[in-house]
């Protein structure tokens, strides 16, 4: 029994020695699959970003929590003599896991899977009047990244994240291609 307790204590100490906290932020071009039929102008691209905090349970497995902004998209629709302008933004908070692997001495790849509470906000303006409405849903976010270790505790990252946006029963996908930094503690 004493050997078993000693073994568990040593294993816990080894995991604790490998555990490491980090923060990561990235931002860049977002694009969305939105229906622009009937619009005179449609912008399916914007700026998206994410800010994450993570805890490495092992050198290759981490748990994360963060804020995800998938971007803002807009369209203009002729409405009589005026123009109806619409904007759709999707953002939210999520928790998930990250799996990483070193592919070269200073280069690593990471895959992310998160479950997030996402809010899509539709804003509409016409002839000086405006209104907005939000809808929330739970969605899955997927991410891929490649990082270069500039120092022992700082990585420069290229990222790709994708998720769904939903409003009034209509769904679409959003993608963010970004650049960022990860700082480990």
C-alpha atoms as a PDB file:
ATOM      1  CA  UNK A   1       0.000   0.000   0.000  1.00  0.00           C
ATOM      2  CA  UNK A   2       2.844   2.416   0.819  1.00  0.00           C
ATOM      3  CA  UNK A   3       4.448   1.740  -2.591  1.00  0.00           C
ATOM      4  CA  UNK A   4       1.147   2.448  -4.330  1.00  0.00           C
ATOM      5  CA  UNK A   5       0.707   5.792  -2.477  1.00  0.00           C
ATOM      6  CA  UNK A   6       4.329   6.728  -3.217  1.00  0.00           C
ATOM      7  CA  UNK A   7       3.798   5.884  -6.910  1.00  0.00           C
ATOM      8  CA  UNK A   8       0.663   8.064  -7.113  1.00  0.00           C
ATOM      9  CA  UNK A   9       2.473  10.937  -5.351  1.00  0.00           C
ATOM     10  CA  UNK A  10       5.429  10.714  -7.752  1.00  0.00           C
ATOM     11  CA  UNK A  11       3.114  10.608 -10.779  1.00  0.00           C
ATOM     12  CA  UNK A  12       1.193  13.661  -9.511  1.00  0.00           C
ATOM     13  CA  UNK A  13       4.465  15.527  -8.944  1.00  0.00           C
ATOM     14  CA  UNK A  14       5.635  14.661 -12.469  1.00  0.00           C
ATOM     15  CA  UNK A  15       2.379  15.920 -14.007  1.00  0.00           C
ATOM     16  CA  UNK A  16       2.576  19.076 -11.877  1.00  0.00           C
ATOM     17  CA  UNK A  17       6.140  19.701 -13.022  1.00  0.00           C
ATOM     18  CA  UNK A  18       5.023  19.456 -16.663  1.00  0.00           C
ATOM     19  CA  UNK A  19       1.914  21.585 -16.204  1.00  0.00           C
ATOM     20  CA  UNK A  20       2.207  25.095 -17.578  1.00  0.00           C
ATOM     21  CA  UNK A  21      -0.190  28.012 -17.885  1.00  0.00           C
ATOM     22  CA  UNK A  22      -0.347  30.168 -21.008  1.00  0.00           C
ATOM     23  CA  UNK A  23      -2.290  32.942 -22.689  1.00  0.00           C
ATOM     24  CA  UNK A  24      -2.801  33.169 -26.411  1.00  0.00           C
ATOM     25  CA  UNK A  25      -4.232  35.902 -28.612  1.00  0.00           C
ATOM     26  CA  UNK A  26      -4.634  36.034 -32.363  1.00  0.00           C
ATOM     27  CA  UNK A  27      -6.598  38.043 -34.877  1.00  0.00           C
ATOM     28  CA  UNK A  28      -7.045  38.378 -38.589  1.00  0.00           C
ATOM     29  CA  UNK A  29      -9.300  38.119 -41.603  1.00  0.00           C
ATOM     30  CA  UNK A  30     -12.697  36.512 -41.062  1.00  0.00           C
ATOM     31  CA  UNK A  31     -15.078  35.331 -43.730  1.00  0.00           C
ATOM     32  CA  UNK A  32     -18.585  33.940 -43.518  1.00  0.00           C
ATOM     33  CA  UNK A  33     -21.089  31.986 -45.508  1.00  0.00           C
ATOM     34  CA  UNK A  34     -24.035  34.386 -45.399  1.00  0.00           C
ATOM     35  CA  UNK A  35     -26.939  34.635 -47.831  1.00  0.00           C
ATOM     36  CA  UNK A  36     -26.596  37.870 -49.781  1.00  0.00           C
ATOM     37  CA  UNK A  37     -29.379  37.247 -52.278  1.00  0.00           C
ATOM     38  CA  UNK A  38     -31.315  40.427 -53.021  1.00  0.00           C
ATOM     39  CA  UNK A  39     -28.592  42.713 -51.699  1.00  0.00           C
ATOM     40  CA  UNK A  40     -26.958  45.480 -53.680  1.00  0.00           C
ATOM     41  CA  UNK A  41     -23.782  45.205 -51.636  1.00  0.00           C
ATOM     42  CA  UNK A  42     -22.501  42.397 -49.469  1.00  0.00           C
ATOM     43  CA  UNK A  43     -19.308  42.220 -47.433  1.00  0.00           C
ATOM     44  CA  UNK A  44     -18.650  38.667 -46.251  1.00  0.00           C
ATOM     45  CA  UNK A  45     -15.257  39.517 -44.760  1.00  0.00           C
ATOM     46  CA  UNK A  46     -14.291  41.233 -41.540  1.00  0.00           C
ATOM     47  CA  UNK A  47     -11.905  41.026 -38.603  1.00  0.00           C
ATOM     48  CA  UNK A  48     -12.064  38.221 -36.052  1.00  0.00           C
ATOM     49  CA  UNK A  49      -9.976  37.382 -33.016  1.00  0.00           C
ATOM     50  CA  UNK A  50      -9.653  35.126 -29.984  1.00  0.00           C
ATOM     51  CA  UNK A  51      -8.096  35.422 -26.535  1.00  0.00           C
ATOM     52  CA  UNK A  52      -7.435  32.168 -24.659  1.00  0.00           C
ATOM     53  CA  UNK A  53      -6.081  31.097 -21.307  1.00  0.00           C
ATOM     54  CA  UNK A  54      -4.828  27.535 -21.017  1.00  0.00           C
ATOM     55  CA  UNK A  55      -3.335  25.012 -18.668  1.00  0.00           C
ATOM     56  CA  UNK A  56      -1.111  22.223 -20.007  1.00  0.00           C
ATOM     57  CA  UNK A  57      -2.035  19.007 -18.241  1.00  0.00           C
ATOM     58  CA  UNK A  58       0.743  17.191 -20.120  1.00  0.00           C
ATOM     59  CA  UNK A  59       3.264  18.568 -22.637  1.00  0.00           C
ATOM     60  CA  UNK A  60       0.806  17.765 -25.459  1.00  0.00           C
ATOM     61  CA  UNK A  61      -2.658  18.187 -23.857  1.00  0.00           C
ATOM     62  CA  UNK A  62      -4.180  21.384 -22.502  1.00  0.00           C
ATOM     63  CA  UNK A  63      -7.529  22.670 -21.303  1.00  0.00           C
ATOM     64  CA  UNK A  64      -8.517  26.155 -22.431  1.00  0.00           C
ATOM     65  CA  UNK A  65     -11.108  28.856 -21.869  1.00  0.00           C
ATOM     66  CA  UNK A  66     -11.505  31.943 -23.968  1.00  0.00           C
ATOM     67  CA  UNK A  67     -13.383  34.598 -25.882  1.00  0.00           C
ATOM     68  CA  UNK A  68     -13.968  34.076 -29.603  1.00  0.00           C
ATOM     69  CA  UNK A  69     -15.045  36.805 -32.033  1.00  0.00           C
ATOM     70  CA  UNK A  70     -15.828  35.329 -35.452  1.00  0.00           C
ATOM     71  CA  UNK A  71     -16.233  38.725 -37.123  1.00  0.00           C
ATOM     72  CA  UNK A  72     -18.803  41.146 -38.508  1.00  0.00           C
ATOM     73  CA  UNK A  73     -20.458  40.970 -41.926  1.00  0.00           C
ATOM     74  CA  UNK A  74     -22.727  43.456 -43.648  1.00  0.00           C
ATOM     75  CA  UNK A  75     -25.174  43.796 -46.533  1.00  0.00           C
ATOM     76  CA  UNK A  76     -27.174  46.606 -48.138  1.00  0.00           C
ATOM     77  CA  UNK A  77     -30.622  46.025 -49.638  1.00  0.00           C
ATOM     78  CA  UNK A  78     -32.583  48.573 -51.707  1.00  0.00           C
ATOM     79  CA  UNK A  79     -35.830  49.439 -49.869  1.00  0.00           C
ATOM     80  CA  UNK A  80     -37.975  51.839 -51.863  1.00  0.00           C
ATOM     81  CA  UNK A  81     -35.978  55.042 -52.187  1.00  0.00           C
ATOM     82  CA  UNK A  82     -33.784  54.183 -49.174  1.00  0.00           C
ATOM     83  CA  UNK A  83     -31.234  51.483 -48.394  1.00  0.00           C
ATOM     84  CA  UNK A  84     -31.638  48.907 -45.637  1.00  0.00           C
ATOM     85  CA  UNK A  85     -28.252  48.213 -44.035  1.00  0.00           C
ATOM     86  CA  UNK A  86     -27.640  45.077 -41.979  1.00  0.00           C
ATOM     87  CA  UNK A  87     -24.700  43.897 -39.867  1.00  0.00           C
ATOM     88  CA  UNK A  88     -24.249  40.465 -38.294  1.00  0.00           C
ATOM     89  CA  UNK A  89     -21.681  39.873 -35.517  1.00  0.00           C
ATOM     90  CA  UNK A  90     -20.937  36.571 -33.805  1.00  0.00           C
ATOM     91  CA  UNK A  91     -18.915  36.217 -30.598  1.00  0.00           C
ATOM     92  CA  UNK A  92     -18.906  34.231 -27.362  1.00  0.00           C
ATOM     93  CA  UNK A  93     -17.118  32.381 -24.600  1.00  0.00           C
ATOM     94  CA  UNK A  94     -16.046  28.756 -24.672  1.00  0.00           C
ATOM     95  CA  UNK A  95     -14.074  25.980 -23.027  1.00  0.00           C
ATOM     96  CA  UNK A  96     -12.199  23.200 -24.735  1.00  0.00           C
ATOM     97  CA  UNK A  97      -9.101  21.141 -25.227  1.00  0.00           C
ATOM     98  CA  UNK A  98      -5.944  21.584 -27.277  1.00  0.00           C
ATOM     99  CA  UNK A  99      -3.622  18.879 -28.559  1.00  0.00           C
ATOM    100  CA  UNK A 100      -0.140  19.920 -29.638  1.00  0.00           C
ATOM    101  CA  UNK A 101       2.984  18.317 -31.038  1.00  0.00           C
ATOM    102  CA  UNK A 102       6.463  19.531 -31.881  1.00  0.00           C
ATOM    103  CA  UNK A 103       7.303  18.949 -35.537  1.00  0.00           C
ATOM    104  CA  UNK A 104      10.749  20.600 -35.372  1.00  0.00           C
ATOM    105  CA  UNK A 105      12.909  21.917 -32.530  1.00  0.00           C
ATOM    106  CA  UNK A 106      11.183  25.344 -32.500  1.00  0.00           C
ATOM    107  CA  UNK A 107       7.977  24.566 -34.414  1.00  0.00           C
ATOM    108  CA  UNK A 108       4.765  23.092 -33.042  1.00  0.00           C
ATOM    109  CA  UNK A 109       1.282  22.391 -34.358  1.00  0.00           C
ATOM    110  CA  UNK A 110      -1.912  22.552 -32.337  1.00  0.00           C
ATOM    111  CA  UNK A 111      -5.483  21.380 -32.845  1.00  0.00           C
ATOM    112  CA  UNK A 112      -8.330  22.844 -30.797  1.00  0.00           C
ATOM    113  CA  UNK A 113     -11.888  21.780 -30.038  1.00  0.00           C
ATOM    114  CA  UNK A 114     -14.135  24.029 -27.949  1.00  0.00           C
ATOM    115  CA  UNK A 115     -17.754  24.156 -26.892  1.00  0.00           C
ATOM    116  CA  UNK A 116     -18.910  27.775 -26.814  1.00  0.00           C
ATOM    117  CA  UNK A 117     -21.925  29.881 -25.973  1.00  0.00           C
ATOM    118  CA  UNK A 118     -22.090  32.097 -29.064  1.00  0.00           C
ATOM    119  CA  UNK A 119     -24.243  35.185 -29.537  1.00  0.00           C
ATOM    120  CA  UNK A 120     -25.168  36.459 -32.991  1.00  0.00           C
ATOM    121  CA  UNK A 121     -26.319  40.077 -33.113  1.00  0.00           C
ATOM    122  CA  UNK A 122     -28.195  41.428 -36.125  1.00  0.00           C
ATOM    123  CA  UNK A 123     -28.292  45.219 -36.458  1.00  0.00           C
ATOM    124  CA  UNK A 124     -30.539  46.898 -39.038  1.00  0.00           C
ATOM    125  CA  UNK A 125     -30.749  50.557 -40.052  1.00  0.00           C
ATOM    126  CA  UNK A 126     -33.103  52.297 -42.486  1.00  0.00           C
ATOM    127  CA  UNK A 127     -33.601  56.028 -43.073  1.00  0.00           C
ATOM    128  CA  UNK A 128     -32.011  57.059 -39.777  1.00  0.00           C
ATOM    129  CA  UNK A 129     -33.828  54.426 -37.702  1.00  0.00           C
ATOM    130  CA  UNK A 130     -32.042  51.407 -36.280  1.00  0.00           C
ATOM    131  CA  UNK A 131     -32.778  48.260 -34.328  1.00  0.00           C
ATOM    132  CA  UNK A 132     -30.889  45.198 -33.214  1.00  0.00           C
ATOM    133  CA  UNK A 133     -31.636  41.743 -31.894  1.00  0.00           C
ATOM    134  CA  UNK A 134     -29.437  38.969 -30.515  1.00  0.00           C
ATOM    135  CA  UNK A 135     -29.720  35.204 -30.418  1.00  0.00           C
ATOM    136  CA  UNK A 136     -27.547  32.820 -28.439  1.00  0.00           C
ATOM    137  CA  UNK A 137     -26.736  29.196 -29.097  1.00  0.00           C
ATOM    138  CA  UNK A 138     -24.162  26.623 -28.105  1.00  0.00           C
ATOM    139  CA  UNK A 139     -21.767  25.630 -30.843  1.00  0.00           C
ATOM    140  CA  UNK A 140     -18.559  23.800 -31.587  1.00  0.00           C
ATOM    141  CA  UNK A 141     -15.427  25.695 -32.575  1.00  0.00           C
ATOM    142  CA  UNK A 142     -12.485  24.027 -34.295  1.00  0.00           C
ATOM    143  CA  UNK A 143      -9.009  25.430 -34.646  1.00  0.00           C
ATOM    144  CA  UNK A 144      -5.620  24.631 -36.129  1.00  0.00           C
ATOM    145  CA  UNK A 145      -2.378  26.467 -35.591  1.00  0.00           C
ATOM    146  CA  UNK A 146       1.322  26.386 -36.165  1.00  0.00           C
ATOM    147  CA  UNK A 147       3.732  28.201 -33.895  1.00  0.00           C
ATOM    148  CA  UNK A 148       7.364  29.207 -33.924  1.00  0.00           C
ATOM    149  CA  UNK A 149       9.117  29.502 -30.533  1.00  0.00           C
ATOM    150  CA  UNK A 150      10.765  32.918 -30.646  1.00  0.00           C
ATOM    151  CA  UNK A 151      11.919  32.391 -27.040  1.00  0.00           C
ATOM    152  CA  UNK A 152      11.418  29.676 -24.433  1.00  0.00           C
ATOM    153  CA  UNK A 153       8.117  31.259 -23.297  1.00  0.00           C
ATOM    154  CA  UNK A 154       6.894  33.155 -26.387  1.00  0.00           C
ATOM    155  CA  UNK A 155       5.548  31.705 -29.621  1.00  0.00           C
ATOM    156  CA  UNK A 156       4.507  33.462 -32.833  1.00  0.00           C
ATOM    157  CA  UNK A 157       1.436  31.699 -34.233  1.00  0.00           C
ATOM    158  CA  UNK A 158      -0.512  31.362 -37.471  1.00  0.00           C
ATOM    159  CA  UNK A 159      -4.066  30.196 -36.746  1.00  0.00           C
ATOM    160  CA  UNK A 160      -7.247  29.023 -38.450  1.00  0.00           C
ATOM    161  CA  UNK A 161     -10.521  28.833 -36.510  1.00  0.00           C
ATOM    162  CA  UNK A 162     -13.988  27.942 -37.701  1.00  0.00           C
ATOM    163  CA  UNK A 163     -17.429  27.898 -36.128  1.00  0.00           C
ATOM    164  CA  UNK A 164     -21.116  28.386 -36.852  1.00  0.00           C
ATOM    165  CA  UNK A 165     -23.261  31.469 -36.590  1.00  0.00           C
ATOM    166  CA  UNK A 166     -27.010  31.195 -36.216  1.00  0.00           C
ATOM    167  CA  UNK A 167     -29.808  33.742 -36.352  1.00  0.00           C
ATOM    168  CA  UNK A 168     -33.558  33.207 -36.761  1.00  0.00           C
ATOM    169  CA  UNK A 169     -33.112  29.561 -37.719  1.00  0.00           C
ATOM    170  CA  UNK A 170     -30.560  30.344 -40.423  1.00  0.00           C
ATOM    171  CA  UNK A 171     -27.045  28.975 -39.916  1.00  0.00           C
ATOM    172  CA  UNK A 172     -23.767  29.549 -41.655  1.00  0.00           C
ATOM    173  CA  UNK A 173     -20.100  29.018 -41.055  1.00  0.00           C
ATOM    174  CA  UNK A 174     -17.420  31.547 -40.215  1.00  0.00           C
ATOM    175  CA  UNK A 175     -13.656  31.229 -40.564  1.00  0.00           C
ATOM    176  CA  UNK A 176     -10.844  33.324 -39.103  1.00  0.00           C
ATOM    177  CA  UNK A 177      -7.277  33.254 -40.452  1.00  0.00           C
ATOM    178  CA  UNK A 178      -5.065  34.991 -37.929  1.00  0.00           C
ATOM    179  CA  UNK A 179      -1.634  35.770 -36.573  1.00  0.00           C
ATOM    180  CA  UNK A 180      -0.904  35.934 -32.873  1.00  0.00           C
ATOM    181  CA  UNK A 181       1.254  35.257 -29.856  1.00  0.00           C
ATOM    182  CA  UNK A 182       1.277  32.652 -27.097  1.00  0.00           C
ATOM    183  CA  UNK A 183       3.018  33.435 -23.811  1.00  0.00           C
ATOM    184  CA  UNK A 184       3.739  30.572 -21.377  1.00  0.00           C
ATOM    185  CA  UNK A 185       4.329  30.948 -17.645  1.00  0.00           C
END
